[in-house]
Amino acid sequence: MDDEVKRVPPLEKVRLRKLTATDGAMYVGVEIEYRVGTQQPTRLQFGLAPGDAVQLGEQLTQLGEKLQSTEH
């Protein structure tokens, strides 16, 4: 696996969806949309296990609170 992080432009839209796999497993579907210059939007989709989605939500909450504080 390549250790280089590929950065994308600022996100224009983020959508969450409930996904069900063919075996019945449930996932949190995340769809992000961004645009490079004047090109058509690019959409990326991926699924998170429910526990991973909860952890991501907690981390995003902590980061948002830190960024809103005057002491960051």
Protein backbone atom coordinates (compact mmCIF):
# COMPACT_ATOMS: atom_id res chain seq x y z
CA MET A 1 0.00 0.00 0.00
CA ASP A 2 1.25 3.45 -0.92
CA ASP A 3 1.83 5.62 2.17
CA GLU A 4 1.33 8.84 0.21
CA VAL A 5 -1.98 10.52 1.04
CA LYS A 6 -3.96 11.71 -1.96
CA ARG A 7 -5.76 14.93 -1.08
CA VAL A 8 -9.01 15.94 -2.69
CA PRO A 9 -10.39 19.47 -3.08
CA PRO A 10 -12.91 20.74 -0.49
CA LEU A 11 -16.04 18.60 -0.40
CA GLU A 12 -19.19 20.05 -1.91
CA LYS A 13 -21.62 17.44 -0.56
CA VAL A 14 -21.61 14.59 1.94
CA ARG A 15 -24.46 12.09 2.16
CA LEU A 16 -25.04 9.23 4.56
CA ARG A 17 -27.04 6.16 3.60
CA LYS A 18 -27.95 2.85 5.16
CA LEU A 19 -26.45 0.01 3.11
CA THR A 20 -27.35 -3.66 3.34
CA ALA A 21 -24.95 -6.23 1.89
CA THR A 22 -26.23 -9.31 0.09
CA ASP A 23 -25.50 -11.34 3.24
CA GLY A 24 -27.71 -9.01 5.31
CA ALA A 25 -24.85 -7.14 7.02
CA MET A 26 -25.60 -3.47 7.67
CA TYR A 27 -23.22 -0.63 6.83
CA VAL A 28 -23.23 3.15 6.98
CA GLY A 29 -22.75 4.31 3.41
CA VAL A 30 -20.82 7.53 2.95
CA GLU A 31 -20.91 9.40 -0.35
CA ILE A 32 -18.70 12.43 -0.88
CA GLU A 33 -18.73 14.77 -3.84
CA TYR A 34 -16.03 17.19 -4.93
CA ARG A 35 -15.07 19.10 -8.05
CA VAL A 36 -11.70 19.82 -9.65
CA GLY A 37 -11.80 23.15 -11.47
CA THR A 38 -14.72 23.32 -13.87
CA GLN A 39 -14.96 19.54 -14.35
CA GLN A 40 -18.07 17.55 -13.53
CA PRO A 41 -18.33 16.55 -9.85
CA THR A 42 -16.58 13.37 -8.76
CA ARG A 43 -18.43 11.11 -6.29
CA LEU A 44 -16.74 8.57 -4.03
CA GLN A 45 -18.72 5.99 -2.07
CA PHE A 46 -17.63 3.69 0.74
CA GLY A 47 -19.19 1.76 3.59
CA LEU A 48 -18.36 1.71 7.29
CA ALA A 49 -19.29 -0.90 9.83
CA PRO A 50 -21.68 0.58 12.40
CA GLY A 51 -19.04 0.60 15.16
CA ASP A 52 -16.52 2.35 12.91
CA ALA A 53 -19.16 4.94 11.98
CA VAL A 54 -19.79 5.64 15.68
CA GLN A 55 -16.07 6.11 16.32
CA LEU A 56 -15.76 8.42 13.31
CA GLY A 57 -18.71 10.47 14.55
CA GLU A 58 -17.13 10.83 17.99
CA GLN A 59 -13.81 11.92 16.48
CA LEU A 60 -15.52 14.45 14.20
CA THR A 61 -17.43 15.85 17.17
CA GLN A 62 -14.22 16.27 19.17
CA LEU A 63 -12.45 17.91 16.24
CA GLY A 64 -15.37 20.28 15.63
CA GLU A 65 -15.42 21.31 19.28
CA LYS A 66 -11.66 21.89 19.24
CA LEU A 67 -11.85 24.02 16.09
CA GLN A 68 -14.69 26.10 17.55
CA SER A 69 -12.83 26.78 20.77
CA THR A 70 -10.76 29.92 21.07
CA GLU A 71 -7.77 28.00 22.42
CA HIS A 72 -6.82 25.90 19.36
